[in-house]
PDB file of all heavy atoms in Angstrom:
ATOM      1  N   LEU A   1      13.472   9.461  -6.134  1.00  0.00           N
ATOM      2  CA  LEU A   1      12.965   8.171  -5.758  1.00  0.00           C
ATOM      3  C   LEU A   1      11.950   7.710  -6.873  1.00  0.00           C
ATOM      4  O   LEU A   1      11.011   8.437  -7.188  1.00  0.00           O
ATOM      5  CB  LEU A   1      12.303   8.134  -4.441  1.00  0.00           C
ATOM      6  CG  LEU A   1      11.501   6.810  -4.098  1.00  0.00           C
ATOM      7  CD1 LEU A   1      12.353   5.600  -3.992  1.00  0.00           C
ATOM      8  CD2 LEU A   1      10.695   7.002  -2.831  1.00  0.00           C
ATOM      9  N   SER A   2      12.218   6.556  -7.483  1.00  0.00           N
ATOM     10  CA  SER A   2      11.195   6.071  -8.428  1.00  0.00           C
ATOM     11  C   SER A   2      10.910   4.547  -8.186  1.00  0.00           C
ATOM     12  O   SER A   2      11.817   3.849  -7.737  1.00  0.00           O
ATOM     13  CB  SER A   2      11.672   6.217  -9.922  1.00  0.00           C
ATOM     14  OG  SER A   2      12.903   5.646 -10.133  1.00  0.00           O
ATOM     15  N   TYR A   3       9.682   4.266  -8.374  1.00  0.00           N
ATOM     16  CA  TYR A   3       9.218   2.858  -8.208  1.00  0.00           C
ATOM     17  C   TYR A   3       8.331   2.464  -9.401  1.00  0.00           C
ATOM     18  O   TYR A   3       7.441   3.159  -9.798  1.00  0.00           O
ATOM     19  CB  TYR A   3       8.395   2.717  -6.925  1.00  0.00           C
ATOM     20  CG  TYR A   3       7.706   1.373  -6.768  1.00  0.00           C
ATOM     21  CD1 TYR A   3       8.377   0.223  -6.346  1.00  0.00           C
ATOM     22  CD2 TYR A   3       6.344   1.234  -7.147  1.00  0.00           C
ATOM     23  CE1 TYR A   3       7.733  -0.946  -6.241  1.00  0.00           C
ATOM     24  CE2 TYR A   3       5.672   0.012  -7.058  1.00  0.00           C
ATOM     25  CZ  TYR A   3       6.356  -1.076  -6.605  1.00  0.00           C
ATOM     26  OH  TYR A   3       5.740  -2.260  -6.544  1.00  0.00           O
ATOM     27  N   SER A   4       8.651   1.325 -10.014  1.00  0.00           N
ATOM     28  CA  SER A   4       7.880   0.705 -11.095  1.00  0.00           C
ATOM     29  C   SER A   4       7.561  -0.720 -10.737  1.00  0.00           C
ATOM     30  O   SER A   4       8.526  -1.495 -10.567  1.00  0.00           O
ATOM     31  CB  SER A   4       8.593   0.849 -12.370  1.00  0.00           C
ATOM     32  OG  SER A   4       7.788   0.425 -13.474  1.00  0.00           O
ATOM     33  N   GLY A   5       6.290  -1.090 -10.526  1.00  0.00           N
ATOM     34  CA  GLY A   5       5.933  -2.375 -10.158  1.00  0.00           C
ATOM     35  C   GLY A   5       4.489  -2.447  -9.873  1.00  0.00           C
ATOM     36  O   GLY A   5       3.763  -1.572 -10.360  1.00  0.00           O
ATOM     37  N   HIS A   6       4.076  -3.432  -9.152  1.00  0.00           N
ATOM     38  CA  HIS A   6       2.648  -3.535  -8.812  1.00  0.00           C
ATOM     39  C   HIS A   6       2.295  -2.579  -7.680  1.00  0.00           C
ATOM     40  O   HIS A   6       3.069  -2.415  -6.665  1.00  0.00           O
ATOM     41  CB  HIS A   6       2.245  -4.929  -8.335  1.00  0.00           C
ATOM     42  CG  HIS A   6       1.979  -5.875  -9.511  1.00  0.00           C
ATOM     43  ND1 HIS A   6       1.073  -5.667 -10.453  1.00  0.00           N
ATOM     44  CD2 HIS A   6       2.607  -7.051  -9.942  1.00  0.00           C
ATOM     45  CE1 HIS A   6       0.990  -6.634 -11.353  1.00  0.00           C
ATOM     46  NE2 HIS A   6       1.970  -7.496 -10.998  1.00  0.00           N
ATOM     47  N   GLY A   7       1.111  -1.943  -7.792  1.00  0.00           N
ATOM     48  CA  GLY A   7       0.581  -1.157  -6.703  1.00  0.00           C
ATOM     49  C   GLY A   7      -0.797  -1.824  -6.309  1.00  0.00           C
ATOM     50  O   GLY A   7      -1.456  -2.424  -7.139  1.00  0.00           O
ATOM     51  N   GLY A   8      -1.155  -1.723  -5.101  1.00  0.00           N
ATOM     52  CA  GLY A   8      -2.409  -2.306  -4.616  1.00  0.00           C
ATOM     53  C   GLY A   8      -3.139  -1.362  -3.679  1.00  0.00           C
ATOM     54  O   GLY A   8      -2.808  -0.143  -3.495  1.00  0.00           O
ATOM     55  N   GLN A   9      -4.109  -1.926  -2.946  1.00  0.00           N
ATOM     56  CA  GLN A   9      -4.845  -1.143  -1.996  1.00  0.00           C
ATOM     57  C   GLN A   9      -5.258  -2.097  -0.858  1.00  0.00           C
ATOM     58  O   GLN A   9      -5.552  -3.241  -1.111  1.00  0.00           O
ATOM     59  CB  GLN A   9      -6.105  -0.513  -2.568  1.00  0.00           C
ATOM     60  CG  GLN A   9      -5.859   0.634  -3.537  1.00  0.00           C
ATOM     61  CD  GLN A   9      -7.088   1.318  -4.041  1.00  0.00           C
ATOM     62  OE1 GLN A   9      -8.023   0.732  -4.404  1.00  0.00           O
ATOM     63  NE2 GLN A   9      -7.017   2.668  -4.001  1.00  0.00           N
ATOM     64  N   VAL A  10      -5.281  -1.547   0.385  1.00  0.00           N
ATOM     65  CA  VAL A  10      -5.811  -2.290   1.522  1.00  0.00           C
ATOM     66  C   VAL A  10      -6.759  -1.405   2.215  1.00  0.00           C
ATOM     67  O   VAL A  10      -6.787  -0.125   2.079  1.00  0.00           O
ATOM     68  CB  VAL A  10      -4.676  -2.727   2.474  1.00  0.00           C
ATOM     69  CG1 VAL A  10      -3.721  -3.702   1.796  1.00  0.00           C
ATOM     70  CG2 VAL A  10      -3.919  -1.466   3.034  1.00  0.00           C
ATOM     71  N   ARG A  11      -7.675  -1.980   2.963  1.00  0.00           N
ATOM     72  CA  ARG A  11      -8.715  -1.268   3.665  1.00  0.00           C
ATOM     73  C   ARG A  11      -8.092  -0.186   4.648  1.00  0.00           C
ATOM     74  O   ARG A  11      -7.169  -0.580   5.379  1.00  0.00           O
ATOM     75  CB  ARG A  11      -9.612  -2.220   4.450  1.00  0.00           C
ATOM     76  CG  ARG A  11     -10.689  -2.904   3.687  1.00  0.00           C
ATOM     77  CD  ARG A  11     -11.759  -1.908   3.362  1.00  0.00           C
ATOM     78  NE  ARG A  11     -12.908  -2.615   2.640  1.00  0.00           N
ATOM     79  CZ  ARG A  11     -13.935  -1.955   2.156  1.00  0.00           C
ATOM     80  NH1 ARG A  11     -13.990  -0.692   2.335  1.00  0.00           N
ATOM     81  NH2 ARG A  11     -14.865  -2.635   1.530  1.00  0.00           N
ATOM     82  N   ASN A  12      -8.647   0.992   4.609  1.00  0.00           N
ATOM     83  CA  ASN A  12      -8.162   1.989   5.564  1.00  0.00           C
ATOM     84  C   ASN A  12      -9.091   1.998   6.809  1.00  0.00           C
ATOM     85  O   ASN A  12     -10.246   2.092   6.678  1.00  0.00           O
ATOM     86  CB  ASN A  12      -8.254   3.365   4.819  1.00  0.00           C
ATOM     87  CG  ASN A  12      -8.079   4.513   5.762  1.00  0.00           C
ATOM     88  OD1 ASN A  12      -9.050   4.987   6.364  1.00  0.00           O
ATOM     89  ND2 ASN A  12      -6.863   4.960   5.916  1.00  0.00           N
ATOM     90  N   ASP A  13      -8.442   1.870   7.974  1.00  0.00           N
ATOM     91  CA  ASP A  13      -9.192   1.825   9.190  1.00  0.00           C
ATOM     92  C   ASP A  13      -9.363   3.186   9.870  1.00  0.00           C
ATOM     93  O   ASP A  13     -10.023   3.276  10.857  1.00  0.00           O
ATOM     94  CB  ASP A  13      -8.471   0.849  10.160  1.00  0.00           C
ATOM     95  CG  ASP A  13      -8.482  -0.598   9.618  1.00  0.00           C
ATOM     96  OD1 ASP A  13      -9.574  -0.962   8.948  1.00  0.00           O
ATOM     97  OD2 ASP A  13      -7.581  -1.322   9.840  1.00  0.00           O
ATOM     98  N   ASP A  14      -8.649   4.166   9.362  1.00  0.00           N
ATOM     99  CA  ASP A  14      -8.699   5.530  10.018  1.00  0.00           C
ATOM    100  C   ASP A  14      -9.919   6.328   9.582  1.00  0.00           C
ATOM    101  O   ASP A  14     -10.228   7.353  10.281  1.00  0.00           O
ATOM    102  CB  ASP A  14      -7.446   6.321   9.668  1.00  0.00           C
ATOM    103  CG  ASP A  14      -6.167   5.665  10.198  1.00  0.00           C
ATOM    104  OD1 ASP A  14      -6.317   4.952  11.182  1.00  0.00           O
ATOM    105  OD2 ASP A  14      -5.093   5.902   9.568  1.00  0.00           O
ATOM    106  N   GLY A  15     -10.559   5.955   8.450  1.00  0.00           N
ATOM    107  CA  GLY A  15     -11.662   6.728   7.969  1.00  0.00           C
ATOM    108  C   GLY A  15     -11.318   8.085   7.414  1.00  0.00           C
ATOM    109  O   GLY A  15     -12.191   8.946   7.167  1.00  0.00           O
ATOM    110  N   ASP A  16      -9.996   8.244   6.960  1.00  0.00           N
ATOM    111  CA  ASP A  16      -9.640   9.532   6.420  1.00  0.00           C
ATOM    112  C   ASP A  16      -9.403   9.503   4.884  1.00  0.00           C
ATOM    113  O   ASP A  16      -8.947  10.446   4.273  1.00  0.00           O
ATOM    114  CB  ASP A  16      -8.345   9.989   7.107  1.00  0.00           C
ATOM    115  CG  ASP A  16      -7.172   9.088   6.943  1.00  0.00           C
ATOM    116  OD1 ASP A  16      -7.339   7.958   6.317  1.00  0.00           O
ATOM    117  OD2 ASP A  16      -6.044   9.358   7.395  1.00  0.00           O
ATOM    118  N   ARG A  17      -9.823   8.352   4.217  1.00  0.00           N
ATOM    119  CA  ARG A  17      -9.643   8.292   2.810  1.00  0.00           C
ATOM    120  C   ARG A  17     -11.048   8.233   2.165  1.00  0.00           C
ATOM    121  O   ARG A  17     -11.827   7.393   2.498  1.00  0.00           O
ATOM    122  CB  ARG A  17      -8.842   7.060   2.407  1.00  0.00           C
ATOM    123  CG  ARG A  17      -7.481   6.910   3.041  1.00  0.00           C
ATOM    124  CD  ARG A  17      -6.687   8.174   3.017  1.00  0.00           C
ATOM    125  NE  ARG A  17      -6.413   8.671   1.635  1.00  0.00           N
ATOM    126  CZ  ARG A  17      -6.547   9.955   1.247  1.00  0.00           C
ATOM    127  NH1 ARG A  17      -6.929  10.851   2.122  1.00  0.00           N
ATOM    128  NH2 ARG A  17      -6.299  10.290   0.082  1.00  0.00           N
ATOM    129  N   PRO A  18     -11.300   9.079   1.153  1.00  0.00           N
ATOM    130  CA  PRO A  18     -12.573   9.101   0.553  1.00  0.00           C
ATOM    131  C   PRO A  18     -12.962   7.693  -0.150  1.00  0.00           C
ATOM    132  O   PRO A  18     -14.199   7.455  -0.148  1.00  0.00           O
ATOM    133  CB  PRO A  18     -12.432  10.198  -0.602  1.00  0.00           C
ATOM    134  CG  PRO A  18     -11.352  11.000  -0.120  1.00  0.00           C
ATOM    135  CD  PRO A  18     -10.407  10.074   0.608  1.00  0.00           C
ATOM    136  N   LEU A  19     -12.044   6.986  -0.651  1.00  0.00           N
ATOM    137  CA  LEU A  19     -12.375   5.720  -1.243  1.00  0.00           C
ATOM    138  C   LEU A  19     -12.354   4.580  -0.262  1.00  0.00           C
ATOM    139  O   LEU A  19     -12.673   3.454  -0.641  1.00  0.00           O
ATOM    140  CB  LEU A  19     -11.406   5.458  -2.401  1.00  0.00           C
ATOM    141  CG  LEU A  19     -11.272   6.565  -3.485  1.00  0.00           C
ATOM    142  CD1 LEU A  19     -10.348   6.056  -4.560  1.00  0.00           C
ATOM    143  CD2 LEU A  19     -12.583   6.867  -4.045  1.00  0.00           C
ATOM    144  N   GLY A  20     -11.963   4.816   0.934  1.00  0.00           N
ATOM    145  CA  GLY A  20     -11.926   3.765   1.927  1.00  0.00           C
ATOM    146  C   GLY A  20     -10.721   2.800   1.915  1.00  0.00           C
ATOM    147  O   GLY A  20     -10.752   1.785   2.589  1.00  0.00           O
ATOM    148  N   PHE A  21      -9.686   3.152   1.150  1.00  0.00           N
ATOM    149  CA  PHE A  21      -8.442   2.322   0.995  1.00  0.00           C
ATOM    150  C   PHE A  21      -7.216   3.122   1.163  1.00  0.00           C
ATOM    151  O   PHE A  21      -7.212   4.348   0.802  1.00  0.00           O
ATOM    152  CB  PHE A  21      -8.473   1.640  -0.367  1.00  0.00           C
ATOM    153  CG  PHE A  21      -9.635   0.682  -0.576  1.00  0.00           C
ATOM    154  CD1 PHE A  21     -10.783   1.061  -1.251  1.00  0.00           C
ATOM    155  CD2 PHE A  21      -9.545  -0.603  -0.181  1.00  0.00           C
ATOM    156  CE1 PHE A  21     -11.835   0.207  -1.475  1.00  0.00           C
ATOM    157  CE2 PHE A  21     -10.547  -1.510  -0.391  1.00  0.00           C
ATOM    158  CZ  PHE A  21     -11.708  -1.099  -1.043  1.00  0.00           C
ATOM    159  N   ASP A  22      -6.184   2.470   1.602  1.00  0.00           N
ATOM    160  CA  ASP A  22      -4.787   3.013   1.507  1.00  0.00           C
ATOM    161  C   ASP A  22      -4.075   2.390   0.299  1.00  0.00           C
ATOM    162  O   ASP A  22      -4.220   1.241   0.008  1.00  0.00           O
ATOM    163  CB  ASP A  22      -4.010   2.705   2.763  1.00  0.00           C
ATOM    164  CG  ASP A  22      -4.425   3.558   3.994  1.00  0.00           C
ATOM    165  OD1 ASP A  22      -4.858   4.628   3.762  1.00  0.00           O
ATOM    166  OD2 ASP A  22      -4.277   2.965   5.110  1.00  0.00           O
ATOM    167  N   ASP A  23      -3.325   3.255  -0.395  1.00  0.00           N
ATOM    168  CA  ASP A  23      -2.529   2.708  -1.458  1.00  0.00           C
ATOM    169  C   ASP A  23      -1.362   1.888  -0.989  1.00  0.00           C
ATOM    170  O   ASP A  23      -0.855   2.176   0.158  1.00  0.00           O
ATOM    171  CB  ASP A  23      -1.992   3.893  -2.354  1.00  0.00           C
ATOM    172  CG  ASP A  23      -3.138   4.670  -3.002  1.00  0.00           C
ATOM    173  OD1 ASP A  23      -4.205   4.099  -3.202  1.00  0.00           O
ATOM    174  OD2 ASP A  23      -2.801   5.771  -3.477  1.00  0.00           O
ATOM    175  N   THR A  24      -0.870   0.983  -1.717  1.00  0.00           N
ATOM    176  CA  THR A  24       0.277   0.182  -1.350  1.00  0.00           C
ATOM    177  C   THR A  24       1.250  -0.049  -2.510  1.00  0.00           C
ATOM    178  O   THR A  24       0.791   0.218  -3.710  1.00  0.00           O
ATOM    179  CB  THR A  24      -0.103  -1.236  -0.812  1.00  0.00           C
ATOM    180  OG1 THR A  24      -0.695  -1.958  -1.996  1.00  0.00           O
ATOM    181  CG2 THR A  24      -1.114  -1.087   0.241  1.00  0.00           C
ATOM    182  N   ILE A  25       2.481  -0.415  -2.200  1.00  0.00           N
ATOM    183  CA  ILE A  25       3.328  -0.948  -3.314  1.00  0.00           C
ATOM    184  C   ILE A  25       3.598  -2.448  -2.890  1.00  0.00           C
ATOM    185  O   ILE A  25       3.575  -2.829  -1.721  1.00  0.00           O
ATOM    186  CB  ILE A  25       4.650  -0.140  -3.535  1.00  0.00           C
ATOM    187  CG1 ILE A  25       5.514  -0.119  -2.202  1.00  0.00           C
ATOM    188  CG2 ILE A  25       4.304   1.283  -3.951  1.00  0.00           C
ATOM    189  CD1 ILE A  25       6.869   0.397  -2.431  1.00  0.00           C
ATOM    190  N   CYS A  26       4.029  -3.198  -3.908  1.00  0.00           N
ATOM    191  CA  CYS A  26       4.250  -4.587  -3.715  1.00  0.00           C
ATOM    192  C   CYS A  26       5.733  -5.009  -3.977  1.00  0.00           C
ATOM    193  O   CYS A  26       6.136  -5.125  -5.075  1.00  0.00           O
ATOM    194  CB  CYS A  26       3.383  -5.408  -4.664  1.00  0.00           C
ATOM    195  SG  CYS A  26       1.600  -5.078  -4.460  1.00  0.00           S
ATOM    196  N   PRO A  27       6.493  -5.253  -2.863  1.00  0.00           N
ATOM    197  CA  PRO A  27       7.782  -5.706  -3.014  1.00  0.00           C
ATOM    198  C   PRO A  27       7.848  -7.099  -3.677  1.00  0.00           C
ATOM    199  O   PRO A  27       6.745  -7.776  -3.805  1.00  0.00           O
ATOM    200  CB  PRO A  27       8.370  -5.771  -1.617  1.00  0.00           C
ATOM    201  CG  PRO A  27       7.463  -5.063  -0.824  1.00  0.00           C
ATOM    202  CD  PRO A  27       6.143  -5.078  -1.489  1.00  0.00           C
ATOM    203  N   VAL A  28       8.937  -7.637  -4.110  1.00  0.00           N
ATOM    204  CA  VAL A  28       9.001  -8.896  -4.831  1.00  0.00           C
ATOM    205  C   VAL A  28       8.489 -10.019  -3.963  1.00  0.00           C
ATOM    206  O   VAL A  28       7.965 -10.958  -4.388  1.00  0.00           O
ATOM    207  CB  VAL A  28      10.441  -9.120  -5.348  1.00  0.00           C
ATOM    208  CG1 VAL A  28      11.409  -9.401  -4.193  1.00  0.00           C
ATOM    209  CG2 VAL A  28      10.483 -10.319  -6.336  1.00  0.00           C
ATOM    210  N   ASP A  29       8.652  -9.818  -2.548  1.00  0.00           N
ATOM    211  CA  ASP A  29       8.259 -10.853  -1.589  1.00  0.00           C
ATOM    212  C   ASP A  29       6.903 -10.481  -0.986  1.00  0.00           C
ATOM    213  O   ASP A  29       6.719 -10.952   0.174  1.00  0.00           O
ATOM    214  CB  ASP A  29       9.302 -11.176  -0.592  1.00  0.00           C
ATOM    215  CG  ASP A  29       9.661  -9.890   0.238  1.00  0.00           C
ATOM    216  OD1 ASP A  29       9.258  -8.709  -0.170  1.00  0.00           O
ATOM    217  OD2 ASP A  29      10.229 -10.030   1.354  1.00  0.00           O
ATOM    218  N   PHE A  30       6.090  -9.747  -1.609  1.00  0.00           N
ATOM    219  CA  PHE A  30       4.821  -9.229  -0.946  1.00  0.00           C
ATOM    220  C   PHE A  30       3.945 -10.404  -0.546  1.00  0.00           C
ATOM    221  O   PHE A  30       3.152 -10.271   0.400  1.00  0.00           O
ATOM    222  CB  PHE A  30       4.135  -8.261  -1.820  1.00  0.00           C
ATOM    223  CG  PHE A  30       3.308  -8.862  -2.943  1.00  0.00           C
ATOM    224  CD1 PHE A  30       1.938  -9.137  -2.893  1.00  0.00           C
ATOM    225  CD2 PHE A  30       3.940  -9.132  -4.214  1.00  0.00           C
ATOM    226  CE1 PHE A  30       1.233  -9.662  -3.892  1.00  0.00           C
ATOM    227  CE2 PHE A  30       3.228  -9.605  -5.271  1.00  0.00           C
ATOM    228  CZ  PHE A  30       1.863  -9.914  -5.073  1.00  0.00           C
ATOM    229  N   ARG A  31       3.949 -11.500  -1.213  1.00  0.00           N
ATOM    230  CA  ARG A  31       3.129 -12.671  -0.856  1.00  0.00           C
ATOM    231  C   ARG A  31       3.522 -13.192   0.579  1.00  0.00           C
ATOM    232  O   ARG A  31       2.665 -13.623   1.364  1.00  0.00           O
ATOM    233  CB  ARG A  31       3.223 -13.819  -1.840  1.00  0.00           C
ATOM    234  CG  ARG A  31       2.418 -13.623  -3.101  1.00  0.00           C
ATOM    235  CD  ARG A  31       0.943 -13.660  -2.847  1.00  0.00           C
ATOM    236  NE  ARG A  31       0.229 -13.857  -4.030  1.00  0.00           N
ATOM    237  CZ  ARG A  31      -1.137 -13.829  -4.071  1.00  0.00           C
ATOM    238  NH1 ARG A  31      -1.742 -13.733  -2.926  1.00  0.00           N
ATOM    239  NH2 ARG A  31      -1.797 -13.972  -5.213  1.00  0.00           N
ATOM    240  N   GLU A  32       4.803 -13.136   0.858  1.00  0.00           N
ATOM    241  CA  GLU A  32       5.277 -13.640   2.137  1.00  0.00           C
ATOM    242  C   GLU A  32       5.392 -12.524   3.187  1.00  0.00           C
ATOM    243  O   GLU A  32       5.013 -12.808   4.355  1.00  0.00           O
ATOM    244  CB  GLU A  32       6.709 -14.239   2.039  1.00  0.00           C
ATOM    245  CG  GLU A  32       6.805 -15.419   1.098  1.00  0.00           C
ATOM    246  CD  GLU A  32       6.780 -15.072  -0.362  1.00  0.00           C
ATOM    247  OE1 GLU A  32       7.230 -13.968  -0.763  1.00  0.00           O
ATOM    248  OE2 GLU A  32       6.308 -15.932  -1.170  1.00  0.00           O
ATOM    249  N   SER A  33       5.764 -11.347   2.785  1.00  0.00           N
ATOM    250  CA  SER A  33       6.005 -10.277   3.759  1.00  0.00           C
ATOM    251  C   SER A  33       5.010  -9.120   3.787  1.00  0.00           C
ATOM    252  O   SER A  33       5.088  -8.256   4.610  1.00  0.00           O
ATOM    253  CB  SER A  33       7.395  -9.683   3.479  1.00  0.00           C
ATOM    254  OG  SER A  33       8.465 -10.667   3.556  1.00  0.00           O
ATOM    255  N   GLY A  34       4.050  -9.208   2.782  1.00  0.00           N
ATOM    256  CA  GLY A  34       3.017  -8.177   2.746  1.00  0.00           C
ATOM    257  C   GLY A  34       3.355  -6.982   1.926  1.00  0.00           C
ATOM    258  O   GLY A  34       4.510  -6.777   1.502  1.00  0.00           O
ATOM    259  N   GLN A  35       2.345  -6.154   1.662  1.00  0.00           N
ATOM    260  CA  GLN A  35       2.526  -4.989   0.902  1.00  0.00           C
ATOM    261  C   GLN A  35       2.994  -3.834   1.819  1.00  0.00           C
ATOM    262  O   GLN A  35       2.825  -3.913   3.015  1.00  0.00           O
ATOM    263  CB  GLN A  35       1.163  -4.603   0.278  1.00  0.00           C
ATOM    264  CG  GLN A  35       0.635  -5.647  -0.698  1.00  0.00           C
ATOM    265  CD  GLN A  35      -0.719  -5.338  -1.189  1.00  0.00           C
ATOM    266  OE1 GLN A  35      -1.014  -4.288  -1.611  1.00  0.00           O
ATOM    267  NE2 GLN A  35      -1.690  -6.366  -1.085  1.00  0.00           N
ATOM    268  N   ILE A  36       3.565  -2.772   1.286  1.00  0.00           N
ATOM    269  CA  ILE A  36       4.019  -1.641   2.080  1.00  0.00           C
ATOM    270  C   ILE A  36       2.941  -0.564   1.830  1.00  0.00           C
ATOM    271  O   ILE A  36       2.705  -0.109   0.713  1.00  0.00           O
ATOM    272  CB  ILE A  36       5.369  -1.157   1.594  1.00  0.00           C
ATOM    273  CG1 ILE A  36       6.367  -2.294   1.684  1.00  0.00           C
ATOM    274  CG2 ILE A  36       5.769  -0.010   2.495  1.00  0.00           C
ATOM    275  CD1 ILE A  36       7.783  -1.881   1.153  1.00  0.00           C
ATOM    276  N   THR A  37       2.311  -0.113   2.954  1.00  0.00           N
ATOM    277  CA  THR A  37       1.184   0.797   2.823  1.00  0.00           C
ATOM    278  C   THR A  37       1.708   2.196   2.669  1.00  0.00           C
ATOM    279  O   THR A  37       2.810   2.611   2.990  1.00  0.00           O
ATOM    280  CB  THR A  37       0.244   0.784   4.065  1.00  0.00           C
ATOM    281  OG1 THR A  37       1.009   1.178   5.197  1.00  0.00           O
ATOM    282  CG2 THR A  37      -0.192  -0.675   4.267  1.00  0.00           C
ATOM    283  N   SER A  38       0.809   3.161   2.295  1.00  0.00           N
ATOM    284  CA  SER A  38       1.097   4.534   2.101  1.00  0.00           C
ATOM    285  C   SER A  38       1.500   5.213   3.400  1.00  0.00           C
ATOM    286  O   SER A  38       2.460   6.095   3.388  1.00  0.00           O
ATOM    287  CB  SER A  38      -0.137   5.261   1.466  1.00  0.00           C
ATOM    288  OG  SER A  38      -1.310   5.016   2.202  1.00  0.00           O
ATOM    289  N   GLU A  39       0.908   4.813   4.478  1.00  0.00           N
ATOM    290  CA  GLU A  39       1.333   5.423   5.756  1.00  0.00           C
ATOM    291  C   GLU A  39       2.832   5.004   6.142  1.00  0.00           C
ATOM    292  O   GLU A  39       3.612   5.796   6.559  1.00  0.00           O
ATOM    293  CB  GLU A  39       0.405   5.096   6.919  1.00  0.00           C
ATOM    294  CG  GLU A  39       0.809   5.709   8.249  1.00  0.00           C
ATOM    295  CD  GLU A  39      -0.169   5.311   9.344  1.00  0.00           C
ATOM    296  OE1 GLU A  39      -1.243   4.862   9.093  1.00  0.00           O
ATOM    297  OE2 GLU A  39       0.294   5.596  10.490  1.00  0.00           O
ATOM    298  N   VAL A  40       3.098   3.744   5.922  1.00  0.00           N
ATOM    299  CA  VAL A  40       4.458   3.287   6.206  1.00  0.00           C
ATOM    300  C   VAL A  40       5.436   4.031   5.317  1.00  0.00           C
ATOM    301  O   VAL A  40       6.496   4.376   5.749  1.00  0.00           O
ATOM    302  CB  VAL A  40       4.500   1.777   6.013  1.00  0.00           C
ATOM    303  CG1 VAL A  40       5.994   1.257   6.032  1.00  0.00           C
ATOM    304  CG2 VAL A  40       3.701   1.071   7.124  1.00  0.00           C
ATOM    305  N   LEU A  41       5.121   4.120   4.059  1.00  0.00           N
ATOM    306  CA  LEU A  41       5.962   4.813   3.111  1.00  0.00           C
ATOM    307  C   LEU A  41       6.228   6.250   3.486  1.00  0.00           C
ATOM    308  O   LEU A  41       7.321   6.794   3.433  1.00  0.00           O
ATOM    309  CB  LEU A  41       5.353   4.723   1.668  1.00  0.00           C
ATOM    310  CG  LEU A  41       5.506   3.393   0.979  1.00  0.00           C
ATOM    311  CD1 LEU A  41       4.681   3.400  -0.326  1.00  0.00           C
ATOM    312  CD2 LEU A  41       6.984   2.992   0.692  1.00  0.00           C
ATOM    313  N   HIS A  42       5.178   6.969   3.972  1.00  0.00           N
ATOM    314  CA  HIS A  42       5.264   8.323   4.329  1.00  0.00           C
ATOM    315  C   HIS A  42       6.233   8.444   5.558  1.00  0.00           C
ATOM    316  O   HIS A  42       7.170   9.274   5.561  1.00  0.00           O
ATOM    317  CB  HIS A  42       3.932   8.932   4.661  1.00  0.00           C
ATOM    318  CG  HIS A  42       4.077  10.394   5.037  1.00  0.00           C
ATOM    319  ND1 HIS A  42       3.738  11.453   4.200  1.00  0.00           N
ATOM    320  CD2 HIS A  42       4.520  11.041   6.137  1.00  0.00           C
ATOM    321  CE1 HIS A  42       3.974  12.630   4.703  1.00  0.00           C
ATOM    322  NE2 HIS A  42       4.442  12.411   5.933  1.00  0.00           N
TER     323      HIS A  42
END
């Protein structure tokens, strides 16, 4: 599996990330449908 595109971050509400954010990837329609978070990807 490979992905090349924009990556982002959103606030993490679980308190389990040292930086306070979850990583995300940005589908082509992320403005309308949102980013895909690391938990969803896992």
